[in-house]
């Protein structure tokens, strides 16, 4: 059985939603962020960075959200959560998963946690402003890349769409949330209402964005 180390509303959202999409049994191991359980030595034996999430599969341990999602999708090809190997859609899948992780998610880290980079309050404020501008540029790239596709990579629902929905929820505190961009709103909206994503939120005890616009 898989064991997922998680905390509500963190990057553990995506792999847990993927586990729900696959439909396999898994154990949830909640980490208390306020008590800094993720920084304790026992957890760092699994994830040396002390970040969330981490997945344990028997004797195998894997961290980094995108890697966990891809690993699960590869382990369960019957769930059809990644495009076919060698296809153009698979290339787009790699592109968007990498972009969301390496560019957009990094922007969120700087916006939510400028103190991780600077101790000085003034420099933290500067980083927060700069990271918000960077996020908006990233949202535009995602929106343009999605275009009129049904899902991020085309007609097939993939783990990229799960990831997009997670990031969209994170954006609810920004002046311009991700759903300000219409293609993101359409795809993230369709992804977050899927039963698997809804089950993940219920199990984590979290809600969708309260300020999601009413149609």
N, C-alpha and C. Protein backbone atom coordinates (compact mmCIF):
# COMPACT_ATOMS: atom_id res chain seq x y z
N UNK A 1 0.84 -1.19 0.00
CA UNK A 1 0.00 0.00 0.00
C UNK A 1 0.87 1.25 0.00
N UNK A 2 0.47 2.24 -0.77
CA UNK A 2 1.18 3.52 -0.77
C UNK A 2 0.93 4.25 0.54
N UNK A 3 1.93 5.04 0.94
CA UNK A 3 1.79 5.91 2.10
C UNK A 3 2.18 7.31 1.69
N UNK A 4 1.25 8.25 1.82
CA UNK A 4 1.49 9.62 1.40
C UNK A 4 1.60 10.52 2.63
N UNK A 5 2.75 11.17 2.77
CA UNK A 5 2.94 12.16 3.82
C UNK A 5 2.43 13.50 3.28
N UNK A 6 1.53 14.12 4.04
CA UNK A 6 0.80 15.27 3.51
C UNK A 6 0.50 16.27 4.61
N UNK A 7 0.02 17.45 4.21
CA UNK A 7 -0.57 18.44 5.08
C UNK A 7 -1.62 19.17 4.26
N UNK A 8 -2.69 19.62 4.88
CA UNK A 8 -3.81 20.20 4.12
C UNK A 8 -3.41 21.38 3.24
N UNK A 9 -3.85 21.33 1.99
CA UNK A 9 -3.66 22.44 1.08
C UNK A 9 -2.27 22.61 0.51
N UNK A 10 -1.35 21.73 0.86
CA UNK A 10 0.02 21.81 0.36
C UNK A 10 0.12 21.13 -1.01
N UNK A 11 1.35 21.00 -1.48
CA UNK A 11 1.59 20.34 -2.76
C UNK A 11 1.22 18.86 -2.73
N UNK A 12 0.85 18.34 -1.58
CA UNK A 12 0.36 16.97 -1.51
C UNK A 12 -1.00 16.83 -2.18
N UNK A 13 -1.66 17.94 -2.48
CA UNK A 13 -2.95 17.88 -3.14
C UNK A 13 -2.87 17.09 -4.45
N UNK A 14 -1.89 17.40 -5.27
CA UNK A 14 -1.80 16.78 -6.60
C UNK A 14 -1.60 15.27 -6.53
N UNK A 15 -0.58 14.76 -5.81
CA UNK A 15 -0.43 13.30 -5.77
C UNK A 15 -1.60 12.59 -5.12
N UNK A 16 -2.25 13.21 -4.13
CA UNK A 16 -3.40 12.55 -3.54
C UNK A 16 -4.56 12.50 -4.53
N UNK A 17 -4.75 13.56 -5.30
CA UNK A 17 -5.79 13.54 -6.34
C UNK A 17 -5.48 12.48 -7.39
N UNK A 18 -4.20 12.32 -7.72
CA UNK A 18 -3.80 11.28 -8.67
C UNK A 18 -4.09 9.89 -8.09
N UNK A 19 -3.78 9.69 -6.83
CA UNK A 19 -4.11 8.41 -6.18
C UNK A 19 -5.61 8.14 -6.24
N UNK A 20 -6.40 9.18 -6.05
CA UNK A 20 -7.85 9.02 -6.12
C UNK A 20 -8.30 8.71 -7.55
N UNK A 21 -7.67 9.33 -8.53
CA UNK A 21 -7.98 9.04 -9.93
C UNK A 21 -7.67 7.58 -10.25
N UNK A 22 -6.54 7.09 -9.75
CA UNK A 22 -6.13 5.71 -10.02
C UNK A 22 -7.06 4.73 -9.32
N UNK A 23 -7.48 5.09 -8.11
CA UNK A 23 -8.42 4.25 -7.39
C UNK A 23 -7.77 3.15 -6.57
N UNK A 24 -6.52 3.36 -6.14
CA UNK A 24 -5.83 2.36 -5.34
C UNK A 24 -5.91 2.71 -3.86
N UNK A 25 -5.69 1.72 -3.01
CA UNK A 25 -5.66 1.97 -1.57
C UNK A 25 -4.37 2.69 -1.21
N UNK A 26 -4.47 3.62 -0.27
CA UNK A 26 -3.27 4.31 0.21
C UNK A 26 -3.51 4.79 1.64
N UNK A 27 -2.41 4.99 2.33
CA UNK A 27 -2.45 5.48 3.71
C UNK A 27 -2.05 6.94 3.72
N UNK A 28 -2.76 7.74 4.52
CA UNK A 28 -2.43 9.15 4.66
C UNK A 28 -1.69 9.36 5.98
N UNK A 29 -0.51 9.95 5.91
CA UNK A 29 0.28 10.25 7.10
C UNK A 29 0.39 11.76 7.23
N UNK A 30 -0.46 12.33 8.07
CA UNK A 30 -0.53 13.78 8.19
C UNK A 30 0.64 14.34 8.97
N UNK A 31 1.20 15.45 8.46
CA UNK A 31 2.29 16.16 9.12
C UNK A 31 1.76 17.47 9.67
N UNK A 32 2.08 17.78 10.91
CA UNK A 32 1.66 19.02 11.56
C UNK A 32 2.69 20.09 11.25
N UNK A 33 2.35 20.99 10.34
CA UNK A 33 3.30 22.03 9.94
C UNK A 33 3.58 22.98 11.10
N UNK A 34 2.54 23.32 11.86
CA UNK A 34 2.72 24.24 12.99
C UNK A 34 3.71 23.68 14.00
N UNK A 35 3.69 22.37 14.18
CA UNK A 35 4.63 21.72 15.09
C UNK A 35 5.96 21.38 14.41
N UNK A 36 6.06 21.73 13.13
CA UNK A 36 7.27 21.52 12.33
C UNK A 36 7.68 20.06 12.27
N UNK A 37 6.68 19.19 12.16
CA UNK A 37 6.99 17.77 12.03
C UNK A 37 7.78 17.48 10.76
N UNK A 38 7.55 18.30 9.72
CA UNK A 38 8.25 18.08 8.45
C UNK A 38 9.73 18.43 8.54
N UNK A 39 10.13 19.11 9.61
CA UNK A 39 11.54 19.48 9.78
C UNK A 39 12.27 18.57 10.75
N UNK A 40 11.56 17.60 11.30
CA UNK A 40 12.18 16.71 12.27
C UNK A 40 13.01 15.63 11.59
N UNK A 41 13.98 15.12 12.32
CA UNK A 41 14.96 14.18 11.76
C UNK A 41 14.31 12.93 11.19
N UNK A 42 13.28 12.45 11.84
CA UNK A 42 12.63 11.22 11.37
C UNK A 42 12.06 11.38 9.97
N UNK A 43 11.40 12.52 9.73
CA UNK A 43 10.84 12.77 8.39
C UNK A 43 11.94 13.06 7.38
N UNK A 44 12.98 13.75 7.81
CA UNK A 44 14.07 14.10 6.89
C UNK A 44 14.86 12.87 6.43
N UNK A 45 14.69 11.74 7.11
CA UNK A 45 15.27 10.51 6.59
C UNK A 45 14.59 10.11 5.29
N UNK A 46 13.32 10.49 5.15
CA UNK A 46 12.57 10.21 3.92
C UNK A 46 12.74 11.32 2.90
N UNK A 47 12.68 12.54 3.38
CA UNK A 47 12.77 13.71 2.50
C UNK A 47 13.78 14.67 3.10
N UNK A 48 15.01 14.66 2.62
CA UNK A 48 16.07 15.46 3.25
C UNK A 48 15.81 16.96 3.21
N UNK A 49 14.92 17.41 2.30
CA UNK A 49 14.60 18.82 2.22
C UNK A 49 13.54 19.24 3.24
N UNK A 50 12.90 18.25 3.87
CA UNK A 50 11.87 18.57 4.84
C UNK A 50 10.65 19.19 4.22
N UNK A 51 10.37 18.85 2.98
CA UNK A 51 9.21 19.41 2.29
C UNK A 51 8.11 18.38 2.15
N UNK A 52 6.94 18.86 1.80
CA UNK A 52 5.77 18.01 1.66
C UNK A 52 5.30 18.11 0.21
N UNK A 53 5.00 16.95 -0.42
CA UNK A 53 4.76 15.61 0.11
C UNK A 53 5.95 14.67 -0.08
N UNK A 54 5.77 13.46 0.47
CA UNK A 54 6.65 12.33 0.21
C UNK A 54 5.76 11.10 0.06
N UNK A 55 6.13 10.24 -0.88
CA UNK A 55 5.39 8.99 -1.09
C UNK A 55 6.29 7.81 -0.77
N UNK A 56 5.75 6.87 -0.01
CA UNK A 56 6.46 5.63 0.30
C UNK A 56 5.71 4.49 -0.38
N UNK A 57 6.45 3.71 -1.14
CA UNK A 57 5.89 2.55 -1.85
C UNK A 57 6.73 1.34 -1.48
N UNK A 58 6.36 0.68 -0.39
CA UNK A 58 7.18 -0.42 0.10
C UNK A 58 8.51 0.09 0.60
N UNK A 59 9.59 -0.38 -0.01
CA UNK A 59 10.93 0.07 0.36
C UNK A 59 11.39 1.28 -0.45
N UNK A 60 10.53 1.72 -1.37
CA UNK A 60 10.89 2.82 -2.26
C UNK A 60 10.28 4.12 -1.75
N UNK A 61 11.11 5.17 -1.70
CA UNK A 61 10.66 6.48 -1.24
C UNK A 61 10.93 7.50 -2.34
N UNK A 62 9.95 8.35 -2.61
CA UNK A 62 10.12 9.36 -3.63
C UNK A 62 9.52 10.68 -3.16
N UNK A 63 10.24 11.77 -3.41
CA UNK A 63 9.71 13.10 -3.10
C UNK A 63 9.76 13.96 -4.35
N UNK A 64 9.26 15.18 -4.26
CA UNK A 64 8.99 16.13 -5.33
C UNK A 64 7.64 15.80 -5.98
N UNK A 65 6.74 16.76 -5.89
CA UNK A 65 5.35 16.54 -6.28
C UNK A 65 5.19 16.04 -7.70
N UNK A 66 5.83 16.72 -8.65
CA UNK A 66 5.69 16.31 -10.04
C UNK A 66 6.23 14.91 -10.27
N UNK A 67 7.34 14.58 -9.61
CA UNK A 67 7.93 13.25 -9.75
C UNK A 67 7.00 12.18 -9.19
N UNK A 68 6.37 12.47 -8.05
CA UNK A 68 5.44 11.50 -7.46
C UNK A 68 4.26 11.26 -8.41
N UNK A 69 3.71 12.34 -8.95
CA UNK A 69 2.57 12.21 -9.87
C UNK A 69 2.95 11.39 -11.09
N UNK A 70 4.12 11.66 -11.66
CA UNK A 70 4.55 10.93 -12.84
C UNK A 70 4.81 9.47 -12.50
N UNK A 71 5.41 9.22 -11.36
CA UNK A 71 5.68 7.85 -10.92
C UNK A 71 4.39 7.06 -10.79
N UNK A 72 3.40 7.65 -10.17
CA UNK A 72 2.12 6.97 -9.99
C UNK A 72 1.44 6.71 -11.34
N UNK A 73 1.51 7.68 -12.22
CA UNK A 73 0.90 7.49 -13.54
C UNK A 73 1.59 6.38 -14.32
N UNK A 74 2.92 6.28 -14.19
CA UNK A 74 3.66 5.22 -14.87
C UNK A 74 3.38 3.85 -14.25
N UNK A 75 3.19 3.84 -12.94
CA UNK A 75 2.92 2.58 -12.24
C UNK A 75 1.52 2.05 -12.55
N UNK A 76 0.66 2.94 -12.97
CA UNK A 76 -0.74 2.57 -13.21
C UNK A 76 -1.18 3.07 -14.58
N UNK A 77 -0.63 2.48 -15.64
CA UNK A 77 -0.98 2.94 -16.99
C UNK A 77 -2.45 2.77 -17.32
N UNK A 78 -3.12 1.86 -16.60
CA UNK A 78 -4.54 1.64 -16.85
C UNK A 78 -5.38 2.88 -16.53
N UNK A 79 -4.85 3.78 -15.70
CA UNK A 79 -5.57 5.00 -15.36
C UNK A 79 -5.52 6.04 -16.47
N UNK A 80 -4.59 5.86 -17.42
CA UNK A 80 -4.52 6.71 -18.61
C UNK A 80 -4.34 8.19 -18.23
N UNK A 81 -3.39 8.46 -17.35
CA UNK A 81 -3.18 9.82 -16.86
C UNK A 81 -2.01 10.54 -17.52
N UNK A 82 -1.37 9.90 -18.48
CA UNK A 82 -0.32 10.55 -19.26
C UNK A 82 -0.51 10.17 -20.73
N UNK A 83 -0.16 11.07 -21.65
CA UNK A 83 -0.27 10.73 -23.07
C UNK A 83 0.70 9.62 -23.46
N UNK A 84 0.47 9.06 -24.61
CA UNK A 84 1.29 7.95 -25.09
C UNK A 84 2.74 8.36 -25.29
N UNK A 85 3.66 7.44 -24.96
CA UNK A 85 5.08 7.68 -25.17
C UNK A 85 5.35 7.98 -26.64
N UNK A 86 6.20 8.97 -26.88
CA UNK A 86 6.57 9.31 -28.24
C UNK A 86 5.61 10.22 -28.96
N UNK A 87 4.47 10.51 -28.35
CA UNK A 87 3.48 11.37 -29.00
C UNK A 87 3.81 12.84 -28.74
N UNK A 88 3.29 13.70 -29.61
CA UNK A 88 3.44 15.13 -29.39
C UNK A 88 2.78 15.54 -28.07
N UNK A 89 1.66 14.92 -27.76
CA UNK A 89 0.97 15.24 -26.51
C UNK A 89 1.85 14.90 -25.30
N UNK A 90 2.62 13.82 -25.41
CA UNK A 90 3.54 13.46 -24.31
C UNK A 90 4.60 14.55 -24.15
N UNK A 91 5.07 15.07 -25.26
CA UNK A 91 6.02 16.18 -25.20
C UNK A 91 5.43 17.39 -24.51
N UNK A 92 4.18 17.72 -24.86
CA UNK A 92 3.50 18.83 -24.19
C UNK A 92 3.31 18.54 -22.71
N UNK A 93 3.03 17.31 -22.39
CA UNK A 93 2.88 16.90 -20.99
C UNK A 93 4.17 17.20 -20.22
N UNK A 94 5.30 16.80 -20.76
CA UNK A 94 6.58 17.08 -20.11
C UNK A 94 6.79 18.59 -19.98
N UNK A 95 6.48 19.31 -21.06
CA UNK A 95 6.69 20.75 -21.07
C UNK A 95 5.89 21.44 -19.96
N UNK A 96 4.59 21.16 -19.90
CA UNK A 96 3.74 21.88 -18.95
C UNK A 96 3.99 21.44 -17.51
N UNK A 97 4.25 20.16 -17.29
CA UNK A 97 4.52 19.71 -15.92
C UNK A 97 5.81 20.36 -15.42
N UNK A 98 6.82 20.41 -16.28
CA UNK A 98 8.09 21.05 -15.90
C UNK A 98 7.91 22.54 -15.69
N UNK A 99 7.16 23.18 -16.57
CA UNK A 99 6.95 24.63 -16.46
C UNK A 99 6.19 24.99 -15.18
N UNK A 100 5.15 24.23 -14.88
CA UNK A 100 4.39 24.52 -13.67
C UNK A 100 5.22 24.30 -12.42
N UNK A 101 6.11 23.31 -12.45
CA UNK A 101 6.95 23.04 -11.29
C UNK A 101 8.09 24.04 -11.17
N UNK A 102 8.82 24.25 -12.25
CA UNK A 102 10.06 25.02 -12.20
C UNK A 102 9.86 26.53 -12.28
N UNK A 103 8.73 26.97 -12.81
CA UNK A 103 8.50 28.40 -12.97
C UNK A 103 7.34 28.88 -12.10
N UNK A 104 6.16 28.32 -12.32
CA UNK A 104 4.98 28.83 -11.60
C UNK A 104 5.04 28.48 -10.12
N UNK A 105 5.33 27.24 -9.80
CA UNK A 105 5.35 26.83 -8.39
C UNK A 105 6.45 27.57 -7.63
N UNK A 106 7.57 27.80 -8.27
CA UNK A 106 8.65 28.56 -7.63
C UNK A 106 8.19 29.98 -7.33
N UNK A 107 7.41 30.55 -8.25
CA UNK A 107 6.85 31.89 -8.02
C UNK A 107 5.94 31.91 -6.81
N UNK A 108 5.14 30.86 -6.64
CA UNK A 108 4.27 30.77 -5.48
C UNK A 108 5.08 30.65 -4.18
N UNK A 109 6.15 29.88 -4.22
CA UNK A 109 6.99 29.74 -3.03
C UNK A 109 7.53 31.10 -2.60
N UNK A 110 8.02 31.88 -3.57
CA UNK A 110 8.54 33.21 -3.24
C UNK A 110 7.44 34.14 -2.74
N UNK A 111 6.23 34.00 -3.29
CA UNK A 111 5.13 34.88 -2.89
C UNK A 111 4.64 34.54 -1.48
N UNK A 112 4.47 33.25 -1.21
CA UNK A 112 3.99 32.82 0.10
C UNK A 112 5.07 32.90 1.18
N UNK A 113 6.32 32.67 0.79
CA UNK A 113 7.40 32.56 1.78
C UNK A 113 8.62 33.40 1.41
N UNK A 114 8.47 34.71 1.27
CA UNK A 114 9.66 35.53 0.98
C UNK A 114 10.69 35.48 2.10
N UNK A 115 10.22 35.09 3.30
CA UNK A 115 11.13 34.98 4.44
C UNK A 115 12.10 33.83 4.29
N UNK A 116 11.79 32.89 3.39
CA UNK A 116 12.73 31.80 3.13
C UNK A 116 13.98 32.28 2.38
N UNK A 117 13.85 33.46 1.76
CA UNK A 117 14.97 34.00 0.99
C UNK A 117 15.65 35.16 1.69
N UNK A 118 14.83 36.05 2.30
CA UNK A 118 15.38 37.24 2.95
C UNK A 118 14.89 37.36 4.39
N UNK A 119 15.77 37.77 5.28
CA UNK A 119 15.39 38.03 6.67
C UNK A 119 14.84 39.44 6.82
N UNK A 120 15.31 40.36 5.98
CA UNK A 120 14.89 41.75 6.06
C UNK A 120 13.48 41.93 5.52
N UNK A 121 12.61 42.62 6.28
CA UNK A 121 11.21 42.79 5.90
C UNK A 121 11.07 43.57 4.60
N UNK A 122 11.91 44.56 4.40
CA UNK A 122 11.84 45.35 3.18
C UNK A 122 12.15 44.53 1.94
N UNK A 123 13.15 43.70 2.02
CA UNK A 123 13.50 42.85 0.88
C UNK A 123 12.46 41.76 0.66
N UNK A 124 11.84 41.30 1.75
CA UNK A 124 10.75 40.34 1.60
C UNK A 124 9.61 40.97 0.81
N UNK A 125 9.27 42.21 1.12
CA UNK A 125 8.19 42.90 0.41
C UNK A 125 8.52 43.07 -1.07
N UNK A 126 9.78 43.38 -1.37
CA UNK A 126 10.20 43.53 -2.76
C UNK A 126 10.08 42.20 -3.50
N UNK A 127 10.50 41.11 -2.85
CA UNK A 127 10.42 39.80 -3.49
C UNK A 127 8.97 39.42 -3.74
N UNK A 128 8.08 39.74 -2.81
CA UNK A 128 6.67 39.39 -2.96
C UNK A 128 6.08 40.12 -4.18
N UNK A 129 6.42 41.38 -4.35
CA UNK A 129 5.95 42.15 -5.51
C UNK A 129 6.50 41.56 -6.80
N UNK A 130 7.79 41.28 -6.81
CA UNK A 130 8.43 40.73 -8.02
C UNK A 130 7.88 39.35 -8.36
N UNK A 131 7.64 38.54 -7.34
CA UNK A 131 7.14 37.19 -7.60
C UNK A 131 5.71 37.23 -8.12
N UNK A 132 4.91 38.19 -7.67
CA UNK A 132 3.54 38.30 -8.18
C UNK A 132 3.55 38.65 -9.67
N UNK A 133 4.42 39.57 -10.06
CA UNK A 133 4.54 39.91 -11.48
C UNK A 133 5.01 38.70 -12.29
N UNK A 134 5.94 37.94 -11.72
CA UNK A 134 6.42 36.73 -12.39
C UNK A 134 5.30 35.71 -12.53
N UNK A 135 4.47 35.58 -11.51
CA UNK A 135 3.35 34.64 -11.58
C UNK A 135 2.38 35.03 -12.70
N UNK A 136 2.09 36.31 -12.81
CA UNK A 136 1.15 36.74 -13.84
C UNK A 136 1.69 36.45 -15.24
N UNK A 137 3.00 36.62 -15.41
CA UNK A 137 3.60 36.26 -16.70
C UNK A 137 3.46 34.77 -16.95
N UNK A 138 3.65 33.98 -15.90
CA UNK A 138 3.52 32.53 -16.03
C UNK A 138 2.09 32.12 -16.35
N UNK A 139 1.12 32.78 -15.72
CA UNK A 139 -0.27 32.46 -15.99
C UNK A 139 -0.62 32.74 -17.45
N UNK A 140 -0.06 33.83 -17.98
CA UNK A 140 -0.34 34.16 -19.37
C UNK A 140 0.23 33.10 -20.31
N UNK A 141 1.43 32.62 -19.99
CA UNK A 141 2.03 31.57 -20.82
C UNK A 141 1.18 30.31 -20.78
N UNK A 142 0.70 29.94 -19.61
CA UNK A 142 -0.16 28.76 -19.49
C UNK A 142 -1.47 28.96 -20.27
N UNK A 143 -2.06 30.11 -20.10
CA UNK A 143 -3.34 30.38 -20.77
C UNK A 143 -3.19 30.32 -22.28
N UNK A 144 -2.12 30.93 -22.79
CA UNK A 144 -1.90 30.91 -24.25
C UNK A 144 -1.59 29.50 -24.73
N UNK A 145 -0.86 28.76 -23.92
CA UNK A 145 -0.50 27.40 -24.32
C UNK A 145 -1.69 26.45 -24.34
N UNK A 146 -2.60 26.64 -23.42
CA UNK A 146 -3.81 25.81 -23.41
C UNK A 146 -4.67 26.09 -24.64
N UNK A 147 -4.79 27.35 -24.98
CA UNK A 147 -5.60 27.72 -26.14
C UNK A 147 -7.02 27.19 -26.00
N UNK A 148 -7.49 26.56 -27.05
CA UNK A 148 -8.84 26.02 -27.05
C UNK A 148 -8.86 24.51 -26.77
N UNK A 149 -7.74 23.98 -26.30
CA UNK A 149 -7.72 22.56 -25.94
C UNK A 149 -8.76 22.25 -24.87
N UNK A 150 -9.27 21.05 -24.91
CA UNK A 150 -10.18 20.62 -23.85
C UNK A 150 -9.44 20.51 -22.53
N UNK A 151 -8.24 19.91 -22.58
CA UNK A 151 -7.36 19.79 -21.43
C UNK A 151 -6.01 20.38 -21.80
N UNK A 152 -5.06 20.39 -20.90
CA UNK A 152 -3.80 21.08 -21.15
C UNK A 152 -3.05 20.53 -22.35
N UNK A 153 -3.05 19.20 -22.51
CA UNK A 153 -2.27 18.60 -23.59
C UNK A 153 -3.13 18.22 -24.80
N UNK A 154 -4.41 18.52 -24.76
CA UNK A 154 -5.30 18.16 -25.87
C UNK A 154 -6.63 17.62 -25.38
N UNK A 155 -7.02 16.48 -25.90
CA UNK A 155 -8.31 15.90 -25.56
C UNK A 155 -8.25 14.99 -24.33
N UNK A 156 -7.05 14.64 -23.87
CA UNK A 156 -6.90 13.68 -22.78
C UNK A 156 -6.65 14.38 -21.45
N UNK A 157 -7.41 14.00 -20.44
CA UNK A 157 -7.15 14.47 -19.08
C UNK A 157 -5.86 13.82 -18.57
N UNK A 158 -4.97 14.62 -17.99
CA UNK A 158 -3.68 14.11 -17.51
C UNK A 158 -3.35 14.70 -16.15
N UNK A 159 -2.23 14.27 -15.60
CA UNK A 159 -1.80 14.80 -14.32
C UNK A 159 -1.47 16.29 -14.42
N UNK A 160 -1.21 16.80 -15.63
CA UNK A 160 -0.99 18.24 -15.80
C UNK A 160 -2.23 19.02 -15.37
N UNK A 161 -3.40 18.49 -15.66
CA UNK A 161 -4.64 19.17 -15.31
C UNK A 161 -4.87 19.15 -13.81
N UNK A 162 -4.47 18.07 -13.15
CA UNK A 162 -4.53 18.02 -11.69
C UNK A 162 -3.62 19.09 -11.11
N UNK A 163 -2.43 19.18 -11.64
CA UNK A 163 -1.45 20.15 -11.16
C UNK A 163 -1.96 21.57 -11.35
N UNK A 164 -2.56 21.83 -12.51
CA UNK A 164 -3.09 23.15 -12.78
C UNK A 164 -4.18 23.52 -11.78
N UNK A 165 -5.05 22.58 -11.46
CA UNK A 165 -6.12 22.84 -10.49
C UNK A 165 -5.54 23.16 -9.12
N UNK A 166 -4.50 22.44 -8.71
CA UNK A 166 -3.86 22.71 -7.43
C UNK A 166 -3.31 24.13 -7.39
N UNK A 167 -2.57 24.51 -8.42
CA UNK A 167 -1.97 25.84 -8.46
C UNK A 167 -3.05 26.92 -8.52
N UNK A 168 -4.13 26.63 -9.23
CA UNK A 168 -5.22 27.60 -9.32
C UNK A 168 -5.81 27.88 -7.95
N UNK A 169 -5.99 26.84 -7.15
CA UNK A 169 -6.48 27.07 -5.79
C UNK A 169 -5.51 27.91 -4.99
N UNK A 170 -4.21 27.68 -5.14
CA UNK A 170 -3.21 28.47 -4.43
C UNK A 170 -3.31 29.95 -4.78
N UNK A 171 -3.74 30.25 -5.99
CA UNK A 171 -3.74 31.64 -6.48
C UNK A 171 -4.87 32.48 -5.92
N UNK A 172 -5.76 31.89 -5.11
CA UNK A 172 -6.96 32.59 -4.68
C UNK A 172 -6.66 33.84 -3.84
N UNK A 173 -5.45 33.97 -3.31
CA UNK A 173 -5.10 35.12 -2.50
C UNK A 173 -4.50 36.27 -3.32
N UNK A 174 -4.20 36.02 -4.58
CA UNK A 174 -3.61 37.05 -5.42
C UNK A 174 -4.67 38.06 -5.87
N UNK A 175 -4.21 39.26 -6.22
CA UNK A 175 -5.14 40.26 -6.76
C UNK A 175 -5.79 39.77 -8.04
N UNK A 176 -5.02 39.05 -8.84
CA UNK A 176 -5.55 38.46 -10.08
C UNK A 176 -5.33 36.95 -10.01
N UNK A 177 -6.29 36.19 -9.49
CA UNK A 177 -6.13 34.73 -9.42
C UNK A 177 -6.01 34.13 -10.82
N UNK A 178 -5.58 32.90 -10.87
CA UNK A 178 -5.33 32.25 -12.16
C UNK A 178 -6.58 32.18 -13.03
N UNK A 179 -7.76 32.13 -12.40
CA UNK A 179 -8.98 32.02 -13.20
C UNK A 179 -9.34 33.33 -13.90
N UNK A 180 -8.56 34.39 -13.65
CA UNK A 180 -8.72 35.62 -14.42
C UNK A 180 -8.44 35.35 -15.89
N UNK A 181 -7.60 34.37 -16.15
CA UNK A 181 -7.25 33.97 -17.52
C UNK A 181 -8.26 32.89 -17.96
N UNK A 182 -9.01 33.14 -19.02
CA UNK A 182 -10.18 32.30 -19.34
C UNK A 182 -9.87 30.84 -19.65
N UNK A 183 -8.78 30.55 -20.32
CA UNK A 183 -8.49 29.15 -20.64
C UNK A 183 -8.09 28.37 -19.39
N UNK A 184 -7.36 29.01 -18.50
CA UNK A 184 -7.03 28.38 -17.23
C UNK A 184 -8.30 28.12 -16.43
N UNK A 185 -9.17 29.12 -16.40
CA UNK A 185 -10.42 28.96 -15.65
C UNK A 185 -11.23 27.78 -16.18
N UNK A 186 -11.29 27.64 -17.49
CA UNK A 186 -12.07 26.55 -18.08
C UNK A 186 -11.50 25.18 -17.73
N UNK A 187 -10.18 25.02 -17.87
CA UNK A 187 -9.56 23.72 -17.63
C UNK A 187 -9.47 23.40 -16.14
N UNK A 188 -9.02 24.36 -15.34
CA UNK A 188 -8.94 24.14 -13.90
C UNK A 188 -10.34 23.91 -13.32
N UNK A 189 -11.32 24.62 -13.86
CA UNK A 189 -12.69 24.43 -13.39
C UNK A 189 -13.19 23.04 -13.66
N UNK A 190 -12.87 22.51 -14.84
CA UNK A 190 -13.29 21.15 -15.19
C UNK A 190 -12.53 20.11 -14.38
N UNK A 191 -11.27 20.40 -14.04
CA UNK A 191 -10.45 19.44 -13.29
C UNK A 191 -10.88 19.35 -11.83
N UNK A 192 -11.18 20.48 -11.23
CA UNK A 192 -11.44 20.45 -9.78
C UNK A 192 -12.81 19.88 -9.43
N UNK A 193 -13.72 19.80 -10.40
CA UNK A 193 -15.02 19.20 -10.09
C UNK A 193 -15.05 17.70 -10.35
N UNK A 194 -13.95 17.14 -10.82
CA UNK A 194 -13.89 15.70 -10.99
C UNK A 194 -14.03 15.00 -9.64
N UNK A 195 -14.69 13.87 -9.59
CA UNK A 195 -14.89 13.17 -8.31
C UNK A 195 -13.61 12.92 -7.53
N UNK A 196 -12.53 12.57 -8.23
CA UNK A 196 -11.27 12.28 -7.54
C UNK A 196 -10.74 13.52 -6.83
N UNK A 197 -10.77 14.67 -7.48
CA UNK A 197 -10.29 15.90 -6.87
C UNK A 197 -11.17 16.29 -5.70
N UNK A 198 -12.46 16.09 -5.84
CA UNK A 198 -13.39 16.40 -4.76
C UNK A 198 -13.14 15.49 -3.54
N UNK A 199 -12.87 14.21 -3.80
CA UNK A 199 -12.58 13.30 -2.69
C UNK A 199 -11.30 13.71 -1.98
N UNK A 200 -10.30 14.12 -2.76
CA UNK A 200 -9.05 14.57 -2.15
C UNK A 200 -9.31 15.75 -1.22
N UNK A 201 -10.06 16.74 -1.68
CA UNK A 201 -10.33 17.91 -0.84
C UNK A 201 -11.11 17.53 0.41
N UNK A 202 -12.06 16.62 0.26
CA UNK A 202 -12.84 16.19 1.41
C UNK A 202 -11.95 15.50 2.44
N UNK A 203 -11.06 14.63 1.99
CA UNK A 203 -10.16 13.92 2.90
C UNK A 203 -9.15 14.86 3.55
N UNK A 204 -8.76 15.91 2.83
CA UNK A 204 -7.83 16.88 3.41
C UNK A 204 -8.55 17.92 4.27
N UNK A 205 -9.87 17.97 4.17
CA UNK A 205 -10.62 18.94 4.95
C UNK A 205 -10.48 20.36 4.45
N UNK A 206 -10.32 20.50 3.13
CA UNK A 206 -10.16 21.83 2.53
C UNK A 206 -11.30 22.07 1.54
N UNK A 207 -11.51 23.34 1.20
CA UNK A 207 -12.54 23.72 0.24
C UNK A 207 -11.88 24.31 -0.99
N UNK A 208 -12.65 24.43 -2.05
CA UNK A 208 -12.16 25.11 -3.24
C UNK A 208 -12.10 26.60 -2.97
N UNK A 209 -11.75 27.39 -3.93
CA UNK A 209 -11.59 28.84 -3.74
C UNK A 209 -12.95 29.49 -3.51
N UNK A 210 -13.12 30.13 -2.36
CA UNK A 210 -14.37 30.78 -2.03
C UNK A 210 -14.70 31.91 -2.98
N UNK A 211 -13.66 32.55 -3.54
CA UNK A 211 -13.87 33.70 -4.43
C UNK A 211 -13.88 33.30 -5.90
N UNK A 212 -14.02 31.99 -6.18
CA UNK A 212 -14.20 31.53 -7.57
C UNK A 212 -15.42 32.23 -8.15
N UNK A 213 -15.32 32.84 -9.31
CA UNK A 213 -16.44 33.63 -9.85
C UNK A 213 -17.66 32.77 -10.15
N UNK A 214 -18.82 33.34 -9.92
CA UNK A 214 -20.08 32.67 -10.21
C UNK A 214 -20.43 32.88 -11.67
N UNK A 215 -20.80 31.80 -12.33
CA UNK A 215 -21.19 31.89 -13.74
C UNK A 215 -22.62 32.42 -13.84
